[in-house]
Amino acid sequence: RTIRLALWDGEEQGLFGSYNYVKNHFIDS
């Protein structure tokens, strides 16, 4: 499988980077 690294932005303000990445790629919030 493809291995993908993601270093997130905006975690300290409320998981902004990972949450928006998930919304952009995986699920409609």
PDB file of all heavy atoms in Angstrom:
ATOM      1  N   ARG A   1       0.843  -1.191   0.000  1.00  0.00           N
ATOM      2  CA  ARG A   1       0.000   0.000   0.000  1.00  0.00           C
ATOM      3  C   ARG A   1       0.882   1.246   0.000  1.00  0.00           C
ATOM      4  O   ARG A   1       2.022   1.218   0.462  1.00  0.00           O
ATOM      5  CB  ARG A   1      -0.911   0.023   1.232  1.00  0.00           C
ATOM      6  CG  ARG A   1      -1.944  -1.080   1.268  1.00  0.00           C
ATOM      7  CD  ARG A   1      -2.777  -1.040   2.542  1.00  0.00           C
ATOM      8  NE  ARG A   1      -3.793  -2.097   2.506  1.00  0.00           N
ATOM      9  CZ  ARG A   1      -3.584  -3.347   2.892  1.00  0.00           C
ATOM     10  NH1 ARG A   1      -2.395  -3.684   3.377  1.00  0.00           N
ATOM     11  NH2 ARG A   1      -4.544  -4.242   2.808  1.00  0.00           N
ATOM     12  N   THR A   2       0.341   2.347  -0.458  1.00  0.00           N
ATOM     13  CA  THR A   2       1.063   3.619  -0.398  1.00  0.00           C
ATOM     14  C   THR A   2       1.108   4.114   1.047  1.00  0.00           C
ATOM     15  O   THR A   2       0.109   4.062   1.760  1.00  0.00           O
ATOM     16  CB  THR A   2       0.377   4.657  -1.299  1.00  0.00           C
ATOM     17  OG1 THR A   2       0.504   4.230  -2.669  1.00  0.00           O
ATOM     18  CG2 THR A   2       1.017   6.027  -1.148  1.00  0.00           C
ATOM     19  N   ILE A   3       2.272   4.576   1.459  1.00  0.00           N
ATOM     20  CA  ILE A   3       2.451   5.136   2.800  1.00  0.00           C
ATOM     21  C   ILE A   3       2.483   6.648   2.665  1.00  0.00           C
ATOM     22  O   ILE A   3       3.302   7.200   1.922  1.00  0.00           O
ATOM     23  CB  ILE A   3       3.749   4.615   3.442  1.00  0.00           C
ATOM     24  CG1 ILE A   3       3.685   3.097   3.615  1.00  0.00           C
ATOM     25  CG2 ILE A   3       3.982   5.304   4.784  1.00  0.00           C
ATOM     26  CD1 ILE A   3       4.999   2.482   4.069  1.00  0.00           C
ATOM     27  N   ARG A   4       1.597   7.323   3.378  1.00  0.00           N
ATOM     28  CA  ARG A   4       1.502   8.782   3.286  1.00  0.00           C
ATOM     29  C   ARG A   4       1.773   9.418   4.655  1.00  0.00           C
ATOM     30  O   ARG A   4       1.103   9.115   5.637  1.00  0.00           O
ATOM     31  CB  ARG A   4       0.130   9.215   2.788  1.00  0.00           C
ATOM     32  CG  ARG A   4      -0.038  10.746   2.693  1.00  0.00           C
ATOM     33  CD  ARG A   4      -1.406  11.118   2.138  1.00  0.00           C
ATOM     34  NE  ARG A   4      -1.549  10.690   0.764  1.00  0.00           N
ATOM     35  CZ  ARG A   4      -2.707  10.708   0.088  1.00  0.00           C
ATOM     36  NH1 ARG A   4      -3.823  11.133   0.706  1.00  0.00           N
ATOM     37  NH2 ARG A   4      -2.760  10.292  -1.159  1.00  0.00           N
ATOM     38  N   LEU A   5       2.758  10.292   4.677  1.00  0.00           N
ATOM     39  CA  LEU A   5       3.059  11.093   5.860  1.00  0.00           C
ATOM     40  C   LEU A   5       2.301  12.406   5.788  1.00  0.00           C
ATOM     41  O   LEU A   5       2.255  13.047   4.727  1.00  0.00           O
ATOM     42  CB  LEU A   5       4.564  11.377   5.926  1.00  0.00           C
ATOM     43  CG  LEU A   5       5.017  12.406   6.968  1.00  0.00           C
ATOM     44  CD1 LEU A   5       4.885  11.834   8.375  1.00  0.00           C
ATOM     45  CD2 LEU A   5       6.454  12.847   6.708  1.00  0.00           C
ATOM     46  N   ALA A   6       1.723  12.821   6.900  1.00  0.00           N
ATOM     47  CA  ALA A   6       1.073  14.127   6.981  1.00  0.00           C
ATOM     48  C   ALA A   6       1.498  14.802   8.279  1.00  0.00           C
ATOM     49  O   ALA A   6       1.305  14.247   9.366  1.00  0.00           O
ATOM     50  CB  ALA A   6      -0.448  13.982   6.934  1.00  0.00           C
ATOM     51  N   LEU A   7       2.115  15.970   8.156  1.00  0.00           N
ATOM     52  CA  LEU A   7       2.449  16.787   9.320  1.00  0.00           C
ATOM     53  C   LEU A   7       1.448  17.934   9.359  1.00  0.00           C
ATOM     54  O   LEU A   7       1.361  18.718   8.410  1.00  0.00           O
ATOM     55  CB  LEU A   7       3.889  17.301   9.227  1.00  0.00           C
ATOM     56  CG  LEU A   7       4.962  16.213   9.081  1.00  0.00           C
ATOM     57  CD1 LEU A   7       6.349  16.832   9.106  1.00  0.00           C
ATOM     58  CD2 LEU A   7       4.827  15.150  10.163  1.00  0.00           C
ATOM     59  N   TRP A   8       0.717  18.005  10.469  1.00  0.00           N
ATOM     60  CA  TRP A   8      -0.478  18.834  10.517  1.00  0.00           C
ATOM     61  C   TRP A   8      -0.189  20.249  10.990  1.00  0.00           C
ATOM     62  O   TRP A   8       0.670  20.497  11.815  1.00  0.00           O
ATOM     63  CB  TRP A   8      -1.516  18.199  11.433  1.00  0.00           C
ATOM     64  CG  TRP A   8      -1.813  16.768  11.128  1.00  0.00           C
ATOM     65  CD1 TRP A   8      -1.526  15.683  11.899  1.00  0.00           C
ATOM     66  CD2 TRP A   8      -2.437  16.266   9.938  1.00  0.00           C
ATOM     67  NE1 TRP A   8      -1.951  14.531  11.282  1.00  0.00           N
ATOM     68  CE2 TRP A   8      -2.503  14.855  10.068  1.00  0.00           C
ATOM     69  CE3 TRP A   8      -2.943  16.858   8.783  1.00  0.00           C
ATOM     70  CZ2 TRP A   8      -3.061  14.039   9.101  1.00  0.00           C
ATOM     71  CZ3 TRP A   8      -3.494  16.045   7.817  1.00  0.00           C
ATOM     72  CH2 TRP A   8      -3.550  14.661   7.973  1.00  0.00           C
ATOM     73  N   ASP A   9      -1.005  21.143  10.504  1.00  0.00           N
ATOM     74  CA  ASP A   9      -0.998  22.555  10.877  1.00  0.00           C
ATOM     75  C   ASP A   9      -2.182  22.804  11.822  1.00  0.00           C
ATOM     76  O   ASP A   9      -3.166  22.053  11.813  1.00  0.00           O
ATOM     77  CB  ASP A   9      -1.152  23.382   9.592  1.00  0.00           C
ATOM     78  CG  ASP A   9      -1.045  24.875   9.812  1.00  0.00           C
ATOM     79  OD1 ASP A   9      -0.447  25.285  10.814  1.00  0.00           O
ATOM     80  OD2 ASP A   9      -1.562  25.627   8.967  1.00  0.00           O
ATOM     81  N   GLY A  10      -2.082  23.833  12.649  1.00  0.00           N
ATOM     82  CA  GLY A  10      -3.229  24.304  13.420  1.00  0.00           C
ATOM     83  C   GLY A  10      -3.772  23.343  14.458  1.00  0.00           C
ATOM     84  O   GLY A  10      -4.915  23.510  14.900  1.00  0.00           O
ATOM     85  N   GLU A  11      -2.974  22.367  14.898  1.00  0.00           N
ATOM     86  CA  GLU A  11      -3.467  21.453  15.930  1.00  0.00           C
ATOM     87  C   GLU A  11      -3.735  22.184  17.226  1.00  0.00           C
ATOM     88  O   GLU A  11      -4.725  21.903  17.919  1.00  0.00           O
ATOM     89  CB  GLU A  11      -2.438  20.333  16.145  1.00  0.00           C
ATOM     90  CG  GLU A  11      -2.910  19.202  17.062  1.00  0.00           C
ATOM     91  CD  GLU A  11      -2.590  19.433  18.541  1.00  0.00           C
ATOM     92  OE1 GLU A  11      -1.927  20.432  18.877  1.00  0.00           O
ATOM     93  OE2 GLU A  11      -3.021  18.605  19.377  1.00  0.00           O
ATOM     94  N   GLU A  12      -2.857  23.122  17.567  1.00  0.00           N
ATOM     95  CA  GLU A  12      -2.975  23.804  18.853  1.00  0.00           C
ATOM     96  C   GLU A  12      -4.227  24.671  18.944  1.00  0.00           C
ATOM     97  O   GLU A  12      -4.676  24.992  20.045  1.00  0.00           O
ATOM     98  CB  GLU A  12      -1.732  24.665  19.117  1.00  0.00           C
ATOM     99  CG  GLU A  12      -0.433  23.890  19.218  1.00  0.00           C
ATOM    100  CD  GLU A  12      -0.346  23.026  20.467  1.00  0.00           C
ATOM    101  OE1 GLU A  12      -1.348  22.941  21.214  1.00  0.00           O
ATOM    102  OE2 GLU A  12       0.705  22.423  20.697  1.00  0.00           O
ATOM    103  N   GLN A  13      -4.810  25.046  17.826  1.00  0.00           N
ATOM    104  CA  GLN A  13      -6.029  25.852  17.848  1.00  0.00           C
ATOM    105  C   GLN A  13      -7.300  24.992  17.780  1.00  0.00           C
ATOM    106  O   GLN A  13      -8.400  25.526  17.814  1.00  0.00           O
ATOM    107  CB  GLN A  13      -6.027  26.860  16.688  1.00  0.00           C
ATOM    108  CG  GLN A  13      -5.037  27.988  16.849  1.00  0.00           C
ATOM    109  CD  GLN A  13      -3.607  27.559  16.629  1.00  0.00           C
ATOM    110  OE1 GLN A  13      -3.264  27.016  15.579  1.00  0.00           O
ATOM    111  NE2 GLN A  13      -2.751  27.793  17.608  1.00  0.00           N
ATOM    112  N   GLY A  14      -7.139  23.661  17.668  1.00  0.00           N
ATOM    113  CA  GLY A  14      -8.319  22.796  17.628  1.00  0.00           C
ATOM    114  C   GLY A  14      -8.282  21.766  16.522  1.00  0.00           C
ATOM    115  O   GLY A  14      -9.314  21.511  15.885  1.00  0.00           O
ATOM    116  N   LEU A  15      -7.133  21.159  16.262  1.00  0.00           N
ATOM    117  CA  LEU A  15      -6.969  20.105  15.248  1.00  0.00           C
ATOM    118  C   LEU A  15      -7.365  20.592  13.856  1.00  0.00           C
ATOM    119  O   LEU A  15      -7.889  19.823  13.039  1.00  0.00           O
ATOM    120  CB  LEU A  15      -7.774  18.849  15.609  1.00  0.00           C
ATOM    121  CG  LEU A  15      -7.708  18.316  17.040  1.00  0.00           C
ATOM    122  CD1 LEU A  15      -8.397  16.963  17.143  1.00  0.00           C
ATOM    123  CD2 LEU A  15      -6.302  18.238  17.565  1.00  0.00           C
ATOM    124  N   PHE A  16      -7.102  21.858  13.572  1.00  0.00           N
ATOM    125  CA  PHE A  16      -7.572  22.439  12.316  1.00  0.00           C
ATOM    126  C   PHE A  16      -7.037  21.708  11.086  1.00  0.00           C
ATOM    127  O   PHE A  16      -7.764  21.433  10.137  1.00  0.00           O
ATOM    128  CB  PHE A  16      -7.171  23.917  12.223  1.00  0.00           C
ATOM    129  CG  PHE A  16      -7.942  24.834  13.135  1.00  0.00           C
ATOM    130  CD1 PHE A  16      -7.605  26.175  13.217  1.00  0.00           C
ATOM    131  CD2 PHE A  16      -9.002  24.383  13.895  1.00  0.00           C
ATOM    132  CE1 PHE A  16      -8.308  27.040  14.046  1.00  0.00           C
ATOM    133  CE2 PHE A  16      -9.709  25.228  14.729  1.00  0.00           C
ATOM    134  CZ  PHE A  16      -9.359  26.569  14.804  1.00  0.00           C
ATOM    135  N   GLY A  17      -5.736  21.432  11.072  1.00  0.00           N
ATOM    136  CA  GLY A  17      -5.133  20.842   9.875  1.00  0.00           C
ATOM    137  C   GLY A  17      -5.659  19.461   9.575  1.00  0.00           C
ATOM    138  O   GLY A  17      -6.059  19.162   8.439  1.00  0.00           O
ATOM    139  N   SER A  18      -5.675  18.580  10.574  1.00  0.00           N
ATOM    140  CA  SER A  18      -6.125  17.206  10.333  1.00  0.00           C
ATOM    141  C   SER A  18      -7.636  17.149  10.109  1.00  0.00           C
ATOM    142  O   SER A  18      -8.112  16.411   9.240  1.00  0.00           O
ATOM    143  CB  SER A  18      -5.726  16.304  11.497  1.00  0.00           C
ATOM    144  OG  SER A  18      -6.315  16.739  12.711  1.00  0.00           O
ATOM    145  N   TYR A  19      -8.396  17.926  10.873  1.00  0.00           N
ATOM    146  CA  TYR A  19      -9.850  17.903  10.723  1.00  0.00           C
ATOM    147  C   TYR A  19     -10.269  18.377   9.330  1.00  0.00           C
ATOM    148  O   TYR A  19     -11.113  17.748   8.671  1.00  0.00           O
ATOM    149  CB  TYR A  19     -10.493  18.763  11.809  1.00  0.00           C
ATOM    150  CG  TYR A  19     -11.987  18.945  11.673  1.00  0.00           C
ATOM    151  CD1 TYR A  19     -12.832  17.850  11.545  1.00  0.00           C
ATOM    152  CD2 TYR A  19     -12.553  20.219  11.677  1.00  0.00           C
ATOM    153  CE1 TYR A  19     -14.201  18.020  11.424  1.00  0.00           C
ATOM    154  CE2 TYR A  19     -13.925  20.386  11.560  1.00  0.00           C
ATOM    155  CZ  TYR A  19     -14.744  19.287  11.435  1.00  0.00           C
ATOM    156  OH  TYR A  19     -16.091  19.449  11.310  1.00  0.00           O
ATOM    157  N   ASN A  20      -9.675  19.455   8.876  1.00  0.00           N
ATOM    158  CA  ASN A  20     -10.032  19.950   7.545  1.00  0.00           C
ATOM    159  C   ASN A  20      -9.497  19.043   6.440  1.00  0.00           C
ATOM    160  O   ASN A  20     -10.145  18.901   5.393  1.00  0.00           O
ATOM    161  CB  ASN A  20      -9.532  21.382   7.371  1.00  0.00           C
ATOM    162  CG  ASN A  20     -10.412  22.389   8.080  1.00  0.00           C
ATOM    163  OD1 ASN A  20     -11.477  22.758   7.601  1.00  0.00           O
ATOM    164  ND2 ASN A  20      -9.986  22.821   9.266  1.00  0.00           N
ATOM    165  N   TYR A  21      -8.365  18.398   6.663  1.00  0.00           N
ATOM    166  CA  TYR A  21      -7.867  17.411   5.704  1.00  0.00           C
ATOM    167  C   TYR A  21      -8.877  16.272   5.571  1.00  0.00           C
ATOM    168  O   TYR A  21      -9.207  15.834   4.453  1.00  0.00           O
ATOM    169  CB  TYR A  21      -6.520  16.874   6.170  1.00  0.00           C
ATOM    170  CG  TYR A  21      -5.887  15.868   5.238  1.00  0.00           C
ATOM    171  CD1 TYR A  21      -5.043  16.272   4.212  1.00  0.00           C
ATOM    172  CD2 TYR A  21      -6.125  14.500   5.383  1.00  0.00           C
ATOM    173  CE1 TYR A  21      -4.467  15.352   3.350  1.00  0.00           C
ATOM    174  CE2 TYR A  21      -5.556  13.572   4.532  1.00  0.00           C
ATOM    175  CZ  TYR A  21      -4.727  14.000   3.517  1.00  0.00           C
ATOM    176  OH  TYR A  21      -4.154  13.080   2.667  1.00  0.00           O
ATOM    177  N   VAL A  22      -9.368  15.789   6.702  1.00  0.00           N
ATOM    178  CA  VAL A  22     -10.356  14.718   6.698  1.00  0.00           C
ATOM    179  C   VAL A  22     -11.633  15.165   5.996  1.00  0.00           C
ATOM    180  O   VAL A  22     -12.231  14.415   5.209  1.00  0.00           O
ATOM    181  CB  VAL A  22     -10.624  14.256   8.145  1.00  0.00           C
ATOM    182  CG1 VAL A  22     -11.914  13.460   8.231  1.00  0.00           C
ATOM    183  CG2 VAL A  22      -9.456  13.440   8.659  1.00  0.00           C
ATOM    184  N   LYS A  23     -12.064  16.397   6.259  1.00  0.00           N
ATOM    185  CA  LYS A  23     -13.260  16.903   5.565  1.00  0.00           C
ATOM    186  C   LYS A  23     -13.016  17.047   4.066  1.00  0.00           C
ATOM    187  O   LYS A  23     -13.897  16.755   3.249  1.00  0.00           O
ATOM    188  CB  LYS A  23     -13.665  18.255   6.148  1.00  0.00           C
ATOM    189  CG  LYS A  23     -14.257  18.187   7.550  1.00  0.00           C
ATOM    190  CD  LYS A  23     -15.060  19.437   7.874  1.00  0.00           C
ATOM    191  CE  LYS A  23     -14.221  20.694   7.795  1.00  0.00           C
ATOM    192  NZ  LYS A  23     -15.019  21.903   8.131  1.00  0.00           N
ATOM    193  N   ASN A  24     -11.828  17.503   3.701  1.00  0.00           N
ATOM    194  CA  ASN A  24     -11.531  17.706   2.277  1.00  0.00           C
ATOM    195  C   ASN A  24     -11.442  16.398   1.508  1.00  0.00           C
ATOM    196  O   ASN A  24     -11.786  16.338   0.327  1.00  0.00           O
ATOM    197  CB  ASN A  24     -10.216  18.480   2.119  1.00  0.00           C
ATOM    198  CG  ASN A  24     -10.308  19.904   2.606  1.00  0.00           C
ATOM    199  OD1 ASN A  24     -11.395  20.463   2.712  1.00  0.00           O
ATOM    200  ND2 ASN A  24      -9.174  20.497   2.939  1.00  0.00           N
ATOM    201  N   HIS A  25     -10.989  15.345   2.175  1.00  0.00           N
ATOM    202  CA  HIS A  25     -10.697  14.095   1.471  1.00  0.00           C
ATOM    203  C   HIS A  25     -11.671  12.959   1.756  1.00  0.00           C
ATOM    204  O   HIS A  25     -11.880  12.102   0.889  1.00  0.00           O
ATOM    205  CB  HIS A  25      -9.290  13.606   1.826  1.00  0.00           C
ATOM    206  CG  HIS A  25      -8.190  14.430   1.249  1.00  0.00           C
ATOM    207  ND1 HIS A  25      -7.637  14.174   0.003  1.00  0.00           N
ATOM    208  CD2 HIS A  25      -7.530  15.504   1.739  1.00  0.00           C
ATOM    209  CE1 HIS A  25      -6.682  15.059  -0.235  1.00  0.00           C
ATOM    210  NE2 HIS A  25      -6.599  15.878   0.788  1.00  0.00           N
ATOM    211  N   PHE A  26     -12.258  12.920   2.972  1.00  0.00           N
ATOM    212  CA  PHE A  26     -12.890  11.673   3.376  1.00  0.00           C
ATOM    213  C   PHE A  26     -14.370  11.752   3.733  1.00  0.00           C
ATOM    214  O   PHE A  26     -15.083  10.765   3.586  1.00  0.00           O
ATOM    215  CB  PHE A  26     -12.141  11.087   4.583  1.00  0.00           C
ATOM    216  CG  PHE A  26     -10.679  10.884   4.353  1.00  0.00           C
ATOM    217  CD1 PHE A  26      -9.759  11.254   5.329  1.00  0.00           C
ATOM    218  CD2 PHE A  26     -10.198  10.335   3.174  1.00  0.00           C
ATOM    219  CE1 PHE A  26      -8.396  11.068   5.136  1.00  0.00           C
ATOM    220  CE2 PHE A  26      -8.841  10.149   2.959  1.00  0.00           C
ATOM    221  CZ  PHE A  26      -7.930  10.524   3.943  1.00  0.00           C
ATOM    222  N   ILE A  27     -14.865  12.892   4.227  1.00  0.00           N
ATOM    223  CA  ILE A  27     -16.235  12.908   4.746  1.00  0.00           C
ATOM    224  C   ILE A  27     -16.796  14.322   4.715  1.00  0.00           C
ATOM    225  O   ILE A  27     -16.073  15.299   4.935  1.00  0.00           O
ATOM    226  CB  ILE A  27     -16.272  12.351   6.186  1.00  0.00           C
ATOM    227  CG1 ILE A  27     -17.716  12.170   6.672  1.00  0.00           C
ATOM    228  CG2 ILE A  27     -15.457  13.196   7.139  1.00  0.00           C
ATOM    229  CD1 ILE A  27     -17.819  11.429   8.010  1.00  0.00           C
ATOM    230  N   ASP A  28     -18.092  14.420   4.422  1.00  0.00           N
ATOM    231  CA  ASP A  28     -18.799  15.691   4.497  1.00  0.00           C
ATOM    232  C   ASP A  28     -19.258  15.894   5.943  1.00  0.00           C
ATOM    233  O   ASP A  28     -19.995  15.073   6.492  1.00  0.00           O
ATOM    234  CB  ASP A  28     -20.004  15.687   3.549  1.00  0.00           C
ATOM    235  CG  ASP A  28     -20.692  17.034   3.470  1.00  0.00           C
ATOM    236  OD1 ASP A  28     -21.202  17.492   4.516  1.00  0.00           O
ATOM    237  OD2 ASP A  28     -20.740  17.616   2.377  1.00  0.00           O
ATOM    238  N   SER A  29     -18.825  16.993   6.571  1.00  0.00           N
ATOM    239  CA  SER A  29     -19.094  17.192   7.991  1.00  0.00           C
ATOM    240  C   SER A  29     -20.549  17.521   8.284  1.00  0.00           C
ATOM    241  O   SER A  29     -20.986  17.409   9.431  1.00  0.00           O
ATOM    242  CB  SER A  29     -18.204  18.306   8.546  1.00  0.00           C
ATOM    243  OG  SER A  29     -18.476  19.537   7.898  1.00  0.00           O
TER     244      SER A  29
END
